[in-house]
Amino acid sequence: MKTIAFVTYPGLTALDLVGPLTVLDPLSALLPDEFRTVLVGEHTGLVSSDTPLRIAASHTFDEVPEPFAVVVPGGLEPTIEAMSDERLLAYLRRAGETAEVLASVCTGSLVLAAASLLEGYEATTHWAFLDLLEKFGAKPVAKRWVSDGKAFTAAGVAAGIDAALHLAATLAGEDVARTIQFGIEYDPRPPFGPLNWEDAPRDMWQALRADALREGTAEAPDLARKLGVAAS
């Protein structure tokens, strides 16, 4: 039985978790003798997300010490805080010793990187934070999703669905992944068309990034120095 463990922590971005979970959880129905999906956390009580939705893990870290795959969602300030959460990092390091898949969505890759699990791997994250991966020995790549060895990383939020479909195909074959894609009717056609990156609101996101880094490292001076956050 291959256990796919989605990591929970307070303040995570809900779609970073729910999008890939909706893609990968059907594996447990389509191939019940091969896969199961769980949500893991420090405890099984409710934790906040970046929306009014609250989330409860199905298992504690100690109950799933050696998952086949681990998936880490991202976010803003809470995810930066998670980069210095030793309980979370210890779990990821332990899981990373045996896991065959290390996956993330958005800034979740920074948490994997802070656990020293992306050294030498090509990886991606939200475009406003991409350069930070290099500070942890990863190789930043500006793509919607990146697959390098056992590292499967997605860019911002909605990219997690794309990366999860690729992971589903890797784990169970393209036919299964296409069945899941039809099941969730994933055929994106955004009302304003594809993104024109020349129009990206970079100034706004630079300010959001600065706030997230400053507030997220307020209690973690070593991490602040590593990320180049100026002392206030």
C-alpha atoms as a PDB file:
ATOM      1  CA  MET A   1       0.000   0.000   0.000  1.00  0.00           C
ATOM      2  CA  LYS A   2       1.466   3.340  -1.085  1.00  0.00           C
ATOM      3  CA  THR A   3       0.453   6.125   1.277  1.00  0.00           C
ATOM      4  CA  ILE A   4       0.268   9.664  -0.123  1.00  0.00           C
ATOM      5  CA  ALA A   5       0.500  12.044   2.827  1.00  0.00           C
ATOM      6  CA  PHE A   6      -0.698  15.631   2.462  1.00  0.00           C
ATOM      7  CA  VAL A   7       0.873  17.833   5.111  1.00  0.00           C
ATOM      8  CA  THR A   8      -1.282  20.271   7.080  1.00  0.00           C
ATOM      9  CA  TYR A   9      -0.220  23.235   9.176  1.00  0.00           C
ATOM     10  CA  PRO A  10      -1.970  26.447  10.300  1.00  0.00           C
ATOM     11  CA  GLY A  11      -2.582  29.076   7.651  1.00  0.00           C
ATOM     12  CA  LEU A  12      -1.849  27.028   4.542  1.00  0.00           C
ATOM     13  CA  THR A  13      -3.441  27.992   1.222  1.00  0.00           C
ATOM     14  CA  ALA A  14      -6.584  25.895   0.905  1.00  0.00           C
ATOM     15  CA  LEU A  15      -6.419  25.296  -2.849  1.00  0.00           C
ATOM     16  CA  ASP A  16      -2.773  24.210  -2.580  1.00  0.00           C
ATOM     17  CA  LEU A  17      -4.064  21.303  -0.523  1.00  0.00           C
ATOM     18  CA  VAL A  18      -7.540  20.642  -1.899  1.00  0.00           C
ATOM     19  CA  GLY A  19      -6.635  20.855  -5.605  1.00  0.00           C
ATOM     20  CA  PRO A  20      -3.979  18.096  -5.633  1.00  0.00           C
ATOM     21  CA  LEU A  21      -5.926  16.107  -3.043  1.00  0.00           C
ATOM     22  CA  THR A  22      -8.945  16.062  -5.372  1.00  0.00           C
ATOM     23  CA  VAL A  23      -6.691  14.752  -8.151  1.00  0.00           C
ATOM     24  CA  LEU A  24      -4.760  12.141  -6.182  1.00  0.00           C
ATOM     25  CA  ASP A  25      -7.395  10.840  -3.767  1.00  0.00           C
ATOM     26  CA  PRO A  26      -9.275   9.024  -6.592  1.00  0.00           C
ATOM     27  CA  LEU A  27      -6.259   6.720  -6.886  1.00  0.00           C
ATOM     28  CA  SER A  28      -7.468   5.082  -3.682  1.00  0.00           C
ATOM     29  CA  ALA A  29     -10.830   4.371  -5.346  1.00  0.00           C
ATOM     30  CA  LEU A  30      -9.509   3.374  -8.764  1.00  0.00           C
ATOM     31  CA  LEU A  31      -6.629   1.302  -7.372  1.00  0.00           C
ATOM     32  CA  PRO A  32      -7.668   0.522  -3.783  1.00  0.00           C
ATOM     33  CA  ASP A  33      -5.074  -2.194  -3.295  1.00  0.00           C
ATOM     34  CA  GLU A  34      -2.242   0.138  -4.240  1.00  0.00           C
ATOM     35  CA  PHE A  35      -2.905   3.638  -2.903  1.00  0.00           C
ATOM     36  CA  ARG A  36      -4.372   5.492   0.037  1.00  0.00           C
ATOM     37  CA  THR A  37      -4.365   9.204   0.789  1.00  0.00           C
ATOM     38  CA  VAL A  38      -4.138  10.761   4.240  1.00  0.00           C
ATOM     39  CA  LEU A  39      -3.792  14.223   5.743  1.00  0.00           C
ATOM     40  CA  VAL A  40      -1.040  14.424   8.336  1.00  0.00           C
ATOM     41  CA  GLY A  41      -0.383  17.082  10.956  1.00  0.00           C
ATOM     42  CA  GLU A  42       1.041  17.664  14.390  1.00  0.00           C
ATOM     43  CA  HIS A  43      -2.453  16.857  15.709  1.00  0.00           C
ATOM     44  CA  THR A  44      -5.870  15.967  14.292  1.00  0.00           C
ATOM     45  CA  GLY A  45      -7.668  19.061  15.526  1.00  0.00           C
ATOM     46  CA  LEU A  46      -8.854  21.812  13.209  1.00  0.00           C
ATOM     47  CA  VAL A  47      -6.297  24.252  11.827  1.00  0.00           C
ATOM     48  CA  SER A  48      -6.904  27.456   9.911  1.00  0.00           C
ATOM     49  CA  SER A  49      -6.311  28.007   6.226  1.00  0.00           C
ATOM     50  CA  ASP A  50      -5.964  31.250   4.283  1.00  0.00           C
ATOM     51  CA  THR A  51      -9.752  31.191   3.791  1.00  0.00           C
ATOM     52  CA  PRO A  52     -12.618  30.667   6.277  1.00  0.00           C
ATOM     53  CA  LEU A  53     -12.220  26.921   5.571  1.00  0.00           C
ATOM     54  CA  ARG A  54     -10.655  25.015   8.457  1.00  0.00           C
ATOM     55  CA  ILE A  55      -8.893  21.695   7.967  1.00  0.00           C
ATOM     56  CA  ALA A  56      -8.346  18.655  10.183  1.00  0.00           C
ATOM     57  CA  ALA A  57      -5.652  16.070   9.576  1.00  0.00           C
ATOM     58  CA  SER A  58      -6.745  12.433   9.486  1.00  0.00           C
ATOM     59  CA  HIS A  59      -3.492  11.247  11.103  1.00  0.00           C
ATOM     60  CA  THR A  60      -0.679  12.663  13.209  1.00  0.00           C
ATOM     61  CA  PHE A  61       2.898  12.779  12.021  1.00  0.00           C
ATOM     62  CA  ASP A  62       3.770   9.878  14.308  1.00  0.00           C
ATOM     63  CA  GLU A  63       1.038   7.720  12.783  1.00  0.00           C
ATOM     64  CA  VAL A  64       2.452   8.004   9.254  1.00  0.00           C
ATOM     65  CA  PRO A  65       6.238   8.035   9.699  1.00  0.00           C
ATOM     66  CA  GLU A  66       7.175   6.570   6.312  1.00  0.00           C
ATOM     67  CA  PRO A  67       4.765   7.673   3.575  1.00  0.00           C
ATOM     68  CA  PHE A  68       5.374   6.685  -0.021  1.00  0.00           C
ATOM     69  CA  ALA A  69       4.747  10.296  -1.052  1.00  0.00           C
ATOM     70  CA  VAL A  70       4.542  13.553   0.837  1.00  0.00           C
ATOM     71  CA  VAL A  71       2.798  16.668  -0.508  1.00  0.00           C
ATOM     72  CA  VAL A  72       3.397  20.084   1.074  1.00  0.00           C
ATOM     73  CA  PRO A  73       1.022  22.997   0.332  1.00  0.00           C
ATOM     74  CA  GLY A  74       2.188  26.596   0.475  1.00  0.00           C
ATOM     75  CA  GLY A  75       0.927  30.014   1.460  1.00  0.00           C
ATOM     76  CA  LEU A  76       2.284  33.373   2.550  1.00  0.00           C
ATOM     77  CA  GLU A  77       3.373  34.327   6.087  1.00  0.00           C
ATOM     78  CA  PRO A  78       2.257  31.020   7.702  1.00  0.00           C
ATOM     79  CA  THR A  79       4.338  29.053   5.207  1.00  0.00           C
ATOM     80  CA  ILE A  80       7.397  31.174   5.939  1.00  0.00           C
ATOM     81  CA  GLU A  81       6.770  30.449   9.620  1.00  0.00           C
ATOM     82  CA  ALA A  82       6.518  26.744   8.784  1.00  0.00           C
ATOM     83  CA  MET A  83      10.046  26.903   7.385  1.00  0.00           C
ATOM     84  CA  SER A  84      11.315  27.150  10.972  1.00  0.00           C
ATOM     85  CA  ASP A  85       8.774  24.788  12.552  1.00  0.00           C
ATOM     86  CA  GLU A  86      11.113  22.095  13.850  1.00  0.00           C
ATOM     87  CA  ARG A  87       8.298  19.625  14.482  1.00  0.00           C
ATOM     88  CA  LEU A  88       7.206  19.876  10.847  1.00  0.00           C
ATOM     89  CA  LEU A  89      10.753  19.902   9.468  1.00  0.00           C
ATOM     90  CA  ALA A  90      11.693  16.857  11.539  1.00  0.00           C
ATOM     91  CA  TYR A  91       8.727  14.969  10.119  1.00  0.00           C
ATOM     92  CA  LEU A  92       9.662  15.906   6.563  1.00  0.00           C
ATOM     93  CA  ARG A  93      13.290  14.913   7.075  1.00  0.00           C
ATOM     94  CA  ARG A  94      12.240  11.565   8.503  1.00  0.00           C
ATOM     95  CA  ALA A  95       9.699  10.962   5.741  1.00  0.00           C
ATOM     96  CA  GLY A  96      12.206  12.104   3.144  1.00  0.00           C
ATOM     97  CA  GLU A  97      14.588   9.305   4.056  1.00  0.00           C
ATOM     98  CA  THR A  98      12.259   6.699   2.561  1.00  0.00           C
ATOM     99  CA  ALA A  99       9.636   8.578   0.520  1.00  0.00           C
ATOM    100  CA  GLU A 100       9.775   7.999  -3.217  1.00  0.00           C
ATOM    101  CA  VAL A 101       7.936  11.238  -3.986  1.00  0.00           C
ATOM    102  CA  LEU A 102       8.556  14.697  -2.515  1.00  0.00           C
ATOM    103  CA  ALA A 103       5.869  17.032  -3.823  1.00  0.00           C
ATOM    104  CA  SER A 104       4.825  20.604  -3.159  1.00  0.00           C
ATOM    105  CA  VAL A 105       2.556  23.349  -4.367  1.00  0.00           C
ATOM    106  CA  CYS A 106       3.485  27.027  -4.466  1.00  0.00           C
ATOM    107  CA  THR A 107       5.742  28.043  -1.552  1.00  0.00           C
ATOM    108  CA  GLY A 108       5.407  24.565  -0.093  1.00  0.00           C
ATOM    109  CA  SER A 109       8.652  23.866  -1.950  1.00  0.00           C
ATOM    110  CA  LEU A 110      10.371  26.355   0.350  1.00  0.00           C
ATOM    111  CA  VAL A 111       9.345  24.175   3.302  1.00  0.00           C
ATOM    112  CA  LEU A 112      10.784  21.102   1.586  1.00  0.00           C
ATOM    113  CA  ALA A 113      13.913  23.111   0.849  1.00  0.00           C
ATOM    114  CA  ALA A 114      14.189  24.277   4.469  1.00  0.00           C
ATOM    115  CA  ALA A 115      14.125  20.596   5.454  1.00  0.00           C
ATOM    116  CA  SER A 116      17.147  20.090   3.144  1.00  0.00           C
ATOM    117  CA  LEU A 117      15.151  17.850   0.798  1.00  0.00           C
ATOM    118  CA  LEU A 118      15.602  19.745  -2.472  1.00  0.00           C
ATOM    119  CA  GLU A 119      19.372  20.148  -2.596  1.00  0.00           C
ATOM    120  CA  GLY A 120      20.542  19.556  -6.149  1.00  0.00           C
ATOM    121  CA  TYR A 121      17.017  19.208  -7.528  1.00  0.00           C
ATOM    122  CA  GLU A 122      15.365  21.429 -10.105  1.00  0.00           C
ATOM    123  CA  ALA A 123      12.287  22.916  -8.468  1.00  0.00           C
ATOM    124  CA  THR A 124       9.743  25.686  -8.771  1.00  0.00           C
ATOM    125  CA  THR A 125       7.446  27.745  -6.581  1.00  0.00           C
ATOM    126  CA  HIS A 126       5.279  30.860  -6.825  1.00  0.00           C
ATOM    127  CA  TRP A 127       6.973  33.273  -9.214  1.00  0.00           C
ATOM    128  CA  ALA A 128       7.363  35.983  -6.568  1.00  0.00           C
ATOM    129  CA  PHE A 129       9.444  33.657  -4.358  1.00  0.00           C
ATOM    130  CA  LEU A 130      11.312  31.616  -6.972  1.00  0.00           C
ATOM    131  CA  ASP A 131      14.795  32.992  -6.306  1.00  0.00           C
ATOM    132  CA  LEU A 132      14.664  31.876  -2.657  1.00  0.00           C
ATOM    133  CA  LEU A 133      14.977  28.196  -3.599  1.00  0.00           C
ATOM    134  CA  GLU A 134      18.604  28.738  -4.543  1.00  0.00           C
ATOM    135  CA  LYS A 135      19.439  29.723  -0.968  1.00  0.00           C
ATOM    136  CA  PHE A 136      18.737  26.112   0.031  1.00  0.00           C
ATOM    137  CA  GLY A 137      20.699  24.436  -2.743  1.00  0.00           C
ATOM    138  CA  ALA A 138      17.793  23.819  -5.122  1.00  0.00           C
ATOM    139  CA  LYS A 139      17.872  24.839  -8.781  1.00  0.00           C
ATOM    140  CA  PRO A 140      15.023  27.306  -9.444  1.00  0.00           C
ATOM    141  CA  VAL A 141      13.127  26.747 -12.687  1.00  0.00           C
ATOM    142  CA  ALA A 142      10.431  29.131 -13.922  1.00  0.00           C
ATOM    143  CA  LYS A 143       7.900  26.540 -15.073  1.00  0.00           C
ATOM    144  CA  ARG A 144       4.314  25.692 -14.129  1.00  0.00           C
ATOM    145  CA  TRP A 145       5.494  22.396 -12.683  1.00  0.00           C
ATOM    146  CA  VAL A 146       8.820  20.608 -12.495  1.00  0.00           C
ATOM    147  CA  SER A 147       9.574  16.902 -12.193  1.00  0.00           C
ATOM    148  CA  ASP A 148      13.167  16.031 -11.281  1.00  0.00           C
ATOM    149  CA  GLY A 149      13.829  12.602  -9.857  1.00  0.00           C
ATOM    150  CA  LYS A 150      11.575  12.192  -6.853  1.00  0.00           C
ATOM    151  CA  ALA A 151      10.906  15.940  -6.575  1.00  0.00           C
ATOM    152  CA  PHE A 152       7.562  17.084  -8.020  1.00  0.00           C
ATOM    153  CA  THR A 153       7.055  20.808  -7.463  1.00  0.00           C
ATOM    154  CA  ALA A 154       4.324  23.126  -8.727  1.00  0.00           C
ATOM    155  CA  ALA A 155       4.262  26.882  -9.142  1.00  0.00           C
ATOM    156  CA  GLY A 156       1.528  29.031  -7.627  1.00  0.00           C
ATOM    157  CA  VAL A 157      -1.729  27.563  -6.279  1.00  0.00           C
ATOM    158  CA  ALA A 158      -3.712  26.386  -9.336  1.00  0.00           C
ATOM    159  CA  ALA A 159      -0.561  24.853 -10.844  1.00  0.00           C
ATOM    160  CA  GLY A 160      -0.878  22.178  -8.182  1.00  0.00           C
ATOM    161  CA  ILE A 161      -3.692  20.553 -10.168  1.00  0.00           C
ATOM    162  CA  ASP A 162      -1.487  20.262 -13.252  1.00  0.00           C
ATOM    163  CA  ALA A 163       1.416  18.845 -11.270  1.00  0.00           C
ATOM    164  CA  ALA A 164      -0.874  16.385  -9.483  1.00  0.00           C
ATOM    165  CA  LEU A 165      -2.207  15.073 -12.809  1.00  0.00           C
ATOM    166  CA  HIS A 166       1.360  14.548 -13.982  1.00  0.00           C
ATOM    167  CA  LEU A 167       2.142  12.768 -10.716  1.00  0.00           C
ATOM    168  CA  ALA A 168      -0.970  10.591 -11.083  1.00  0.00           C
ATOM    169  CA  ALA A 169       0.198   9.582 -14.554  1.00  0.00           C
ATOM    170  CA  THR A 170       3.663   8.832 -13.214  1.00  0.00           C
ATOM    171  CA  LEU A 171       2.281   6.652 -10.423  1.00  0.00           C
ATOM    172  CA  ALA A 172      -0.611   4.915 -12.161  1.00  0.00           C
ATOM    173  CA  GLY A 173      -0.342   5.539 -15.886  1.00  0.00           C
ATOM    174  CA  GLU A 174      -1.758   8.087 -18.288  1.00  0.00           C
ATOM    175  CA  ASP A 175      -5.088   6.270 -18.710  1.00  0.00           C
ATOM    176  CA  VAL A 176      -5.797   6.523 -14.985  1.00  0.00           C
ATOM    177  CA  ALA A 177      -4.741  10.172 -14.926  1.00  0.00           C
ATOM    178  CA  ARG A 178      -7.024  10.968 -17.864  1.00  0.00           C
ATOM    179  CA  THR A 179      -9.894   9.195 -16.128  1.00  0.00           C
ATOM    180  CA  ILE A 180      -9.321  11.450 -13.115  1.00  0.00           C
ATOM    181  CA  GLN A 181      -9.104  14.522 -15.344  1.00  0.00           C
ATOM    182  CA  PHE A 182     -12.468  13.675 -16.884  1.00  0.00           C
ATOM    183  CA  GLY A 183     -13.894  12.982 -13.436  1.00  0.00           C
ATOM    184  CA  ILE A 184     -12.995  16.422 -12.133  1.00  0.00           C
ATOM    185  CA  GLU A 185     -13.734  17.978 -15.555  1.00  0.00           C
ATOM    186  CA  TYR A 186     -10.424  19.772 -15.589  1.00  0.00           C
ATOM    187  CA  ASP A 187     -10.376  21.658 -18.893  1.00  0.00           C
ATOM    188  CA  PRO A 188      -9.379  25.187 -17.877  1.00  0.00           C
ATOM    189  CA  ARG A 189     -10.518  28.064 -20.040  1.00  0.00           C
ATOM    190  CA  PRO A 190     -10.107  31.208 -17.915  1.00  0.00           C
ATOM    191  CA  PRO A 191     -12.448  34.044 -18.877  1.00  0.00           C
ATOM    192  CA  PHE A 192      -9.605  36.456 -19.568  1.00  0.00           C
ATOM    193  CA  GLY A 193      -7.430  33.993 -21.475  1.00  0.00           C
ATOM    194  CA  PRO A 194      -3.893  32.928 -20.553  1.00  0.00           C
ATOM    195  CA  LEU A 195      -1.721  35.124 -18.373  1.00  0.00           C
ATOM    196  CA  ASN A 196       0.432  37.754 -20.013  1.00  0.00           C
ATOM    197  CA  TRP A 197       3.447  37.807 -17.701  1.00  0.00           C
ATOM    198  CA  GLU A 198       4.437  41.267 -18.896  1.00  0.00           C
ATOM    199  CA  ASP A 199       1.334  42.487 -17.056  1.00  0.00           C
ATOM    200  CA  ALA A 200       2.104  40.698 -13.784  1.00  0.00           C
ATOM    201  CA  PRO A 201       1.505  42.968 -10.737  1.00  0.00           C
ATOM    202  CA  ARG A 202       5.125  42.719  -9.642  1.00  0.00           C
ATOM    203  CA  ASP A 203       5.129  45.779  -7.374  1.00  0.00           C
ATOM    204  CA  MET A 204       2.144  44.481  -5.427  1.00  0.00           C
ATOM    205  CA  TRP A 205       3.687  41.049  -5.053  1.00  0.00           C
ATOM    206  CA  GLN A 206       7.044  42.473  -4.072  1.00  0.00           C
ATOM    207  CA  ALA A 207       5.293  44.200  -1.176  1.00  0.00           C
ATOM    208  CA  LEU A 208       3.368  41.023  -0.262  1.00  0.00           C
ATOM    209  CA  ARG A 209       6.584  39.019  -0.355  1.00  0.00           C
ATOM    210  CA  ALA A 210       8.421  41.521   1.836  1.00  0.00           C
ATOM    211  CA  ASP A 211       5.617  41.475   4.417  1.00  0.00           C
ATOM    212  CA  ALA A 212       5.405  37.671   4.410  1.00  0.00           C
ATOM    213  CA  LEU A 213       9.160  37.264   4.856  1.00  0.00           C
ATOM    214  CA  ARG A 214       9.406  39.889   7.572  1.00  0.00           C
ATOM    215  CA  GLU A 215       6.437  38.622   9.578  1.00  0.00           C
ATOM    216  CA  GLY A 216       7.120  34.954   8.922  1.00  0.00           C
ATOM    217  CA  THR A 217      10.695  35.173  10.211  1.00  0.00           C
ATOM    218  CA  ALA A 218       9.992  37.468  13.169  1.00  0.00           C
ATOM    219  CA  GLU A 219      10.677  34.632  15.617  1.00  0.00           C
ATOM    220  CA  ALA A 220      13.327  32.912  13.486  1.00  0.00           C
ATOM    221  CA  PRO A 221      16.424  35.116  13.159  1.00  0.00           C
ATOM    222  CA  ASP A 222      18.546  32.397  11.558  1.00  0.00           C
ATOM    223  CA  LEU A 223      15.988  31.879   8.823  1.00  0.00           C
ATOM    224  CA  ALA A 224      15.670  35.661   8.384  1.00  0.00           C
ATOM    225  CA  ARG A 225      19.401  35.923   7.776  1.00  0.00           C
ATOM    226  CA  LYS A 226      19.345  33.025   5.312  1.00  0.00           C
ATOM    227  CA  LEU A 227      16.505  34.606   3.364  1.00  0.00           C
ATOM    228  CA  GLY A 228      18.150  38.017   3.427  1.00  0.00           C
ATOM    229  CA  VAL A 229      15.425  39.687   5.476  1.00  0.00           C
ATOM    230  CA  ALA A 230      16.660  43.006   6.810  1.00  0.00           C
ATOM    231  CA  ALA A 231      16.405  43.446  10.582  1.00  0.00           C
ATOM    232  CA  SER A 232      13.590  45.802  11.571  1.00  0.00           C
END
